[in-house]
Amino acid sequence: MAMITKKMKKNGFISFQEFKKKSLSNPSVKKAYDALEFDFQIIRALIDARSKKNLTQQELAKKIGVEQSALARFESGKVDPRLTFIKKVTSGLGLKLIVR
């Protein structure tokens, strides 16, 4: 991680880690963050699996029959996908979705 210089702090710049720590000290932000953790764990796992298979978003999207932009929105967390979409992605990656 890059060092935060006095000049950066003087200009109002802080690291992401500092921003996250400060933000999560607010109970309402922490509650919302915690509520989204499950979603982001799934997204992170699927992005990692796609990367390990050396597939681009475009390649995976074509393989599962969706637009690349739909996959990008999913991976960025901008949409709350239906279970059928998640099943398409996992199937396209050769994975099986198991909830424990």
N, C-alpha and C. Protein backbone atom coordinates (compact mmCIF):
# COMPACT_ATOMS: atom_id res chain seq x y z
N MET A 1 0.84 -1.17 0.00
CA MET A 1 0.00 0.00 0.00
C MET A 1 0.89 1.24 0.00
N ALA A 2 0.48 2.25 -0.72
CA ALA A 2 1.26 3.47 -0.83
C ALA A 2 1.25 4.23 0.50
N MET A 3 2.34 4.89 0.76
CA MET A 3 2.44 5.70 1.97
C MET A 3 1.62 6.97 1.80
N ILE A 4 1.01 7.41 2.87
CA ILE A 4 0.26 8.67 2.87
C ILE A 4 1.24 9.76 3.29
N THR A 5 1.43 10.73 2.42
CA THR A 5 2.34 11.81 2.75
C THR A 5 1.59 12.91 3.47
N LYS A 6 2.34 13.76 4.18
CA LYS A 6 1.72 14.90 4.87
C LYS A 6 1.02 15.80 3.85
N LYS A 7 1.61 15.93 2.67
CA LYS A 7 1.01 16.77 1.63
C LYS A 7 -0.35 16.20 1.21
N MET A 8 -0.44 14.86 1.08
CA MET A 8 -1.71 14.25 0.67
C MET A 8 -2.77 14.49 1.74
N LYS A 9 -2.41 14.32 3.01
CA LYS A 9 -3.37 14.56 4.08
C LYS A 9 -3.76 16.03 4.12
N LYS A 10 -2.82 16.91 3.89
CA LYS A 10 -3.09 18.35 3.88
C LYS A 10 -4.09 18.69 2.77
N ASN A 11 -3.97 18.02 1.64
CA ASN A 11 -4.86 18.26 0.51
C ASN A 11 -6.18 17.50 0.63
N GLY A 12 -6.36 16.75 1.71
CA GLY A 12 -7.61 16.05 1.93
C GLY A 12 -7.65 14.62 1.41
N PHE A 13 -6.53 14.09 0.95
CA PHE A 13 -6.48 12.72 0.45
C PHE A 13 -6.12 11.77 1.58
N ILE A 14 -6.83 10.67 1.65
CA ILE A 14 -6.49 9.62 2.60
C ILE A 14 -6.52 8.28 1.85
N SER A 15 -5.92 7.27 2.44
CA SER A 15 -5.91 5.97 1.80
C SER A 15 -7.30 5.34 1.89
N PHE A 16 -7.51 4.33 1.07
CA PHE A 16 -8.79 3.62 1.13
C PHE A 16 -8.96 2.98 2.50
N GLN A 17 -7.89 2.40 3.04
CA GLN A 17 -7.97 1.75 4.35
C GLN A 17 -8.37 2.75 5.44
N GLU A 18 -7.81 3.95 5.40
CA GLU A 18 -8.19 4.98 6.37
C GLU A 18 -9.65 5.38 6.18
N PHE A 19 -10.07 5.54 4.93
CA PHE A 19 -11.45 5.89 4.63
C PHE A 19 -12.41 4.81 5.13
N LYS A 20 -12.06 3.54 4.87
CA LYS A 20 -12.90 2.42 5.28
C LYS A 20 -13.01 2.37 6.80
N LYS A 21 -11.88 2.50 7.48
CA LYS A 21 -11.88 2.47 8.95
C LYS A 21 -12.76 3.58 9.52
N LYS A 22 -12.61 4.77 8.98
CA LYS A 22 -13.39 5.91 9.46
C LYS A 22 -14.88 5.70 9.16
N SER A 23 -15.18 5.23 7.96
CA SER A 23 -16.57 5.02 7.56
C SER A 23 -17.24 3.96 8.41
N LEU A 24 -16.53 2.86 8.68
CA LEU A 24 -17.11 1.75 9.43
C LEU A 24 -17.27 2.07 10.92
N SER A 25 -16.73 3.18 11.36
CA SER A 25 -16.95 3.58 12.76
C SER A 25 -18.36 4.15 12.93
N ASN A 26 -19.03 4.47 11.82
CA ASN A 26 -20.42 4.92 11.84
C ASN A 26 -21.31 3.68 11.88
N PRO A 27 -22.12 3.50 12.93
CA PRO A 27 -22.93 2.29 13.07
C PRO A 27 -23.87 2.00 11.89
N SER A 28 -24.45 3.02 11.28
CA SER A 28 -25.35 2.77 10.15
C SER A 28 -24.59 2.32 8.91
N VAL A 29 -23.40 2.85 8.71
CA VAL A 29 -22.55 2.42 7.59
C VAL A 29 -22.09 0.99 7.83
N LYS A 30 -21.68 0.68 9.05
CA LYS A 30 -21.22 -0.67 9.40
C LYS A 30 -22.34 -1.69 9.19
N LYS A 31 -23.56 -1.33 9.55
CA LYS A 31 -24.70 -2.23 9.38
C LYS A 31 -24.94 -2.52 7.89
N ALA A 32 -24.90 -1.48 7.06
CA ALA A 32 -25.10 -1.65 5.62
C ALA A 32 -23.95 -2.46 5.01
N TYR A 33 -22.73 -2.19 5.44
CA TYR A 33 -21.55 -2.91 4.94
C TYR A 33 -21.68 -4.40 5.28
N ASP A 34 -22.03 -4.69 6.51
CA ASP A 34 -22.17 -6.08 6.94
C ASP A 34 -23.28 -6.80 6.18
N ALA A 35 -24.35 -6.07 5.88
CA ALA A 35 -25.48 -6.67 5.15
C ALA A 35 -25.07 -7.07 3.73
N LEU A 36 -24.12 -6.38 3.15
CA LEU A 36 -23.68 -6.66 1.78
C LEU A 36 -22.53 -7.66 1.71
N GLU A 37 -21.96 -8.02 2.84
CA GLU A 37 -20.78 -8.89 2.84
C GLU A 37 -21.02 -10.22 2.13
N PHE A 38 -22.16 -10.85 2.35
CA PHE A 38 -22.46 -12.12 1.70
C PHE A 38 -22.45 -11.98 0.18
N ASP A 39 -23.09 -10.92 -0.32
CA ASP A 39 -23.13 -10.67 -1.76
C ASP A 39 -21.71 -10.53 -2.32
N PHE A 40 -20.90 -9.73 -1.65
CA PHE A 40 -19.56 -9.48 -2.15
C PHE A 40 -18.65 -10.70 -2.03
N GLN A 41 -18.90 -11.58 -1.08
CA GLN A 41 -18.13 -12.82 -1.01
C GLN A 41 -18.40 -13.68 -2.24
N ILE A 42 -19.66 -13.76 -2.66
CA ILE A 42 -20.02 -14.52 -3.86
C ILE A 42 -19.38 -13.89 -5.09
N ILE A 43 -19.52 -12.58 -5.21
CA ILE A 43 -18.96 -11.89 -6.38
C ILE A 43 -17.45 -12.08 -6.44
N ARG A 44 -16.76 -11.88 -5.30
CA ARG A 44 -15.30 -12.05 -5.27
C ARG A 44 -14.89 -13.46 -5.68
N ALA A 45 -15.61 -14.46 -5.18
CA ALA A 45 -15.29 -15.85 -5.50
C ALA A 45 -15.45 -16.11 -6.99
N LEU A 46 -16.50 -15.57 -7.60
CA LEU A 46 -16.73 -15.80 -9.03
C LEU A 46 -15.73 -15.03 -9.90
N ILE A 47 -15.36 -13.84 -9.49
CA ILE A 47 -14.34 -13.09 -10.22
C ILE A 47 -13.01 -13.84 -10.15
N ASP A 48 -12.67 -14.33 -8.94
CA ASP A 48 -11.42 -15.09 -8.79
C ASP A 48 -11.43 -16.34 -9.68
N ALA A 49 -12.56 -17.04 -9.71
CA ALA A 49 -12.66 -18.25 -10.53
C ALA A 49 -12.52 -17.91 -12.01
N ARG A 50 -13.14 -16.82 -12.44
CA ARG A 50 -13.03 -16.40 -13.85
C ARG A 50 -11.58 -16.06 -14.18
N SER A 51 -10.93 -15.36 -13.27
CA SER A 51 -9.53 -14.97 -13.49
C SER A 51 -8.62 -16.19 -13.55
N LYS A 52 -8.84 -17.15 -12.66
CA LYS A 52 -8.01 -18.36 -12.65
C LYS A 52 -8.17 -19.17 -13.92
N LYS A 53 -9.33 -19.06 -14.56
CA LYS A 53 -9.56 -19.77 -15.82
C LYS A 53 -9.14 -18.92 -17.02
N ASN A 54 -8.54 -17.77 -16.74
CA ASN A 54 -8.07 -16.84 -17.77
C ASN A 54 -9.17 -16.47 -18.76
N LEU A 55 -10.37 -16.24 -18.24
CA LEU A 55 -11.49 -15.82 -19.08
C LEU A 55 -11.72 -14.33 -18.89
N THR A 56 -11.94 -13.64 -19.98
CA THR A 56 -12.35 -12.24 -19.89
C THR A 56 -13.85 -12.21 -19.61
N GLN A 57 -14.34 -11.05 -19.23
CA GLN A 57 -15.80 -10.90 -19.06
C GLN A 57 -16.49 -11.21 -20.39
N GLN A 58 -15.94 -10.73 -21.47
CA GLN A 58 -16.54 -10.94 -22.78
C GLN A 58 -16.63 -12.43 -23.11
N GLU A 59 -15.56 -13.17 -22.85
CA GLU A 59 -15.55 -14.61 -23.14
C GLU A 59 -16.57 -15.37 -22.29
N LEU A 60 -16.62 -15.05 -20.99
CA LEU A 60 -17.58 -15.73 -20.12
C LEU A 60 -19.01 -15.35 -20.49
N ALA A 61 -19.22 -14.08 -20.77
CA ALA A 61 -20.56 -13.63 -21.14
C ALA A 61 -21.06 -14.36 -22.39
N LYS A 62 -20.20 -14.49 -23.39
CA LYS A 62 -20.58 -15.20 -24.61
C LYS A 62 -20.89 -16.67 -24.30
N LYS A 63 -20.08 -17.27 -23.45
CA LYS A 63 -20.25 -18.67 -23.09
C LYS A 63 -21.59 -18.94 -22.40
N ILE A 64 -22.05 -17.98 -21.58
CA ILE A 64 -23.29 -18.19 -20.83
C ILE A 64 -24.50 -17.49 -21.45
N GLY A 65 -24.29 -16.81 -22.58
CA GLY A 65 -25.39 -16.20 -23.31
C GLY A 65 -25.95 -14.92 -22.73
N VAL A 66 -25.05 -14.09 -22.17
CA VAL A 66 -25.48 -12.78 -21.67
C VAL A 66 -24.57 -11.71 -22.26
N GLU A 67 -24.98 -10.48 -22.14
CA GLU A 67 -24.14 -9.37 -22.60
C GLU A 67 -22.99 -9.15 -21.62
N GLN A 68 -21.86 -8.74 -22.13
CA GLN A 68 -20.70 -8.45 -21.28
C GLN A 68 -21.05 -7.38 -20.26
N SER A 69 -21.85 -6.41 -20.64
CA SER A 69 -22.22 -5.33 -19.71
C SER A 69 -23.03 -5.86 -18.52
N ALA A 70 -23.84 -6.89 -18.74
CA ALA A 70 -24.61 -7.49 -17.64
C ALA A 70 -23.65 -8.17 -16.66
N LEU A 71 -22.65 -8.85 -17.19
CA LEU A 71 -21.67 -9.50 -16.33
C LEU A 71 -20.85 -8.45 -15.58
N ALA A 72 -20.50 -7.37 -16.24
CA ALA A 72 -19.74 -6.29 -15.60
C ALA A 72 -20.55 -5.66 -14.46
N ARG A 73 -21.84 -5.44 -14.69
CA ARG A 73 -22.69 -4.87 -13.62
C ARG A 73 -22.76 -5.82 -12.44
N PHE A 74 -22.86 -7.11 -12.71
CA PHE A 74 -22.89 -8.11 -11.65
C PHE A 74 -21.58 -8.08 -10.86
N GLU A 75 -20.45 -8.13 -11.57
CA GLU A 75 -19.15 -8.18 -10.90
C GLU A 75 -18.85 -6.90 -10.13
N SER A 76 -19.43 -5.78 -10.53
CA SER A 76 -19.19 -4.53 -9.81
C SER A 76 -20.12 -4.36 -8.62
N GLY A 77 -21.11 -5.25 -8.52
CA GLY A 77 -22.07 -5.15 -7.41
C GLY A 77 -23.14 -4.11 -7.63
N LYS A 78 -23.28 -3.64 -8.87
CA LYS A 78 -24.26 -2.59 -9.17
C LYS A 78 -25.68 -3.11 -9.31
N VAL A 79 -25.82 -4.42 -9.43
CA VAL A 79 -27.16 -5.02 -9.56
C VAL A 79 -27.30 -6.14 -8.55
N ASP A 80 -28.52 -6.45 -8.23
CA ASP A 80 -28.82 -7.58 -7.36
C ASP A 80 -29.36 -8.68 -8.27
N PRO A 81 -28.50 -9.59 -8.70
CA PRO A 81 -28.90 -10.55 -9.72
C PRO A 81 -29.86 -11.62 -9.20
N ARG A 82 -30.61 -12.16 -10.11
CA ARG A 82 -31.48 -13.28 -9.79
C ARG A 82 -30.61 -14.52 -9.61
N LEU A 83 -31.15 -15.47 -8.90
CA LEU A 83 -30.43 -16.72 -8.68
C LEU A 83 -30.11 -17.42 -10.00
N THR A 84 -31.01 -17.30 -10.98
CA THR A 84 -30.77 -17.93 -12.27
C THR A 84 -29.51 -17.35 -12.94
N PHE A 85 -29.26 -16.06 -12.77
CA PHE A 85 -28.06 -15.45 -13.34
C PHE A 85 -26.81 -16.00 -12.66
N ILE A 86 -26.85 -16.10 -11.33
CA ILE A 86 -25.71 -16.64 -10.60
C ILE A 86 -25.45 -18.09 -11.01
N LYS A 87 -26.52 -18.84 -11.21
CA LYS A 87 -26.36 -20.23 -11.65
C LYS A 87 -25.72 -20.29 -13.04
N LYS A 88 -26.09 -19.38 -13.94
CA LYS A 88 -25.48 -19.33 -15.27
C LYS A 88 -23.98 -19.09 -15.16
N VAL A 89 -23.61 -18.12 -14.32
CA VAL A 89 -22.20 -17.76 -14.17
C VAL A 89 -21.42 -18.93 -13.59
N THR A 90 -21.93 -19.54 -12.53
CA THR A 90 -21.21 -20.65 -11.92
C THR A 90 -21.09 -21.83 -12.89
N SER A 91 -22.16 -22.10 -13.61
CA SER A 91 -22.14 -23.19 -14.59
C SER A 91 -21.12 -22.90 -15.69
N GLY A 92 -21.10 -21.65 -16.17
CA GLY A 92 -20.17 -21.26 -17.21
C GLY A 92 -18.72 -21.37 -16.78
N LEU A 93 -18.49 -21.28 -15.48
CA LEU A 93 -17.14 -21.42 -14.94
C LEU A 93 -16.82 -22.86 -14.56
N GLY A 94 -17.80 -23.73 -14.77
CA GLY A 94 -17.58 -25.14 -14.43
C GLY A 94 -17.66 -25.39 -12.92
N LEU A 95 -18.39 -24.53 -12.23
CA LEU A 95 -18.51 -24.64 -10.78
C LEU A 95 -19.91 -25.10 -10.40
N LYS A 96 -20.03 -25.54 -9.17
CA LYS A 96 -21.33 -25.92 -8.63
C LYS A 96 -21.58 -25.01 -7.44
N LEU A 97 -22.74 -24.39 -7.40
CA LEU A 97 -23.10 -23.49 -6.32
C LEU A 97 -23.61 -24.29 -5.13
N ILE A 98 -22.91 -24.14 -4.00
CA ILE A 98 -23.31 -24.84 -2.77
C ILE A 98 -23.43 -23.79 -1.67
N VAL A 99 -24.56 -23.78 -0.99
CA VAL A 99 -24.79 -22.85 0.12
C VAL A 99 -24.70 -23.64 1.41
N ARG A 100 -23.89 -23.15 2.33
CA ARG A 100 -23.73 -23.83 3.62
C ARG A 100 -24.20 -22.95 4.73
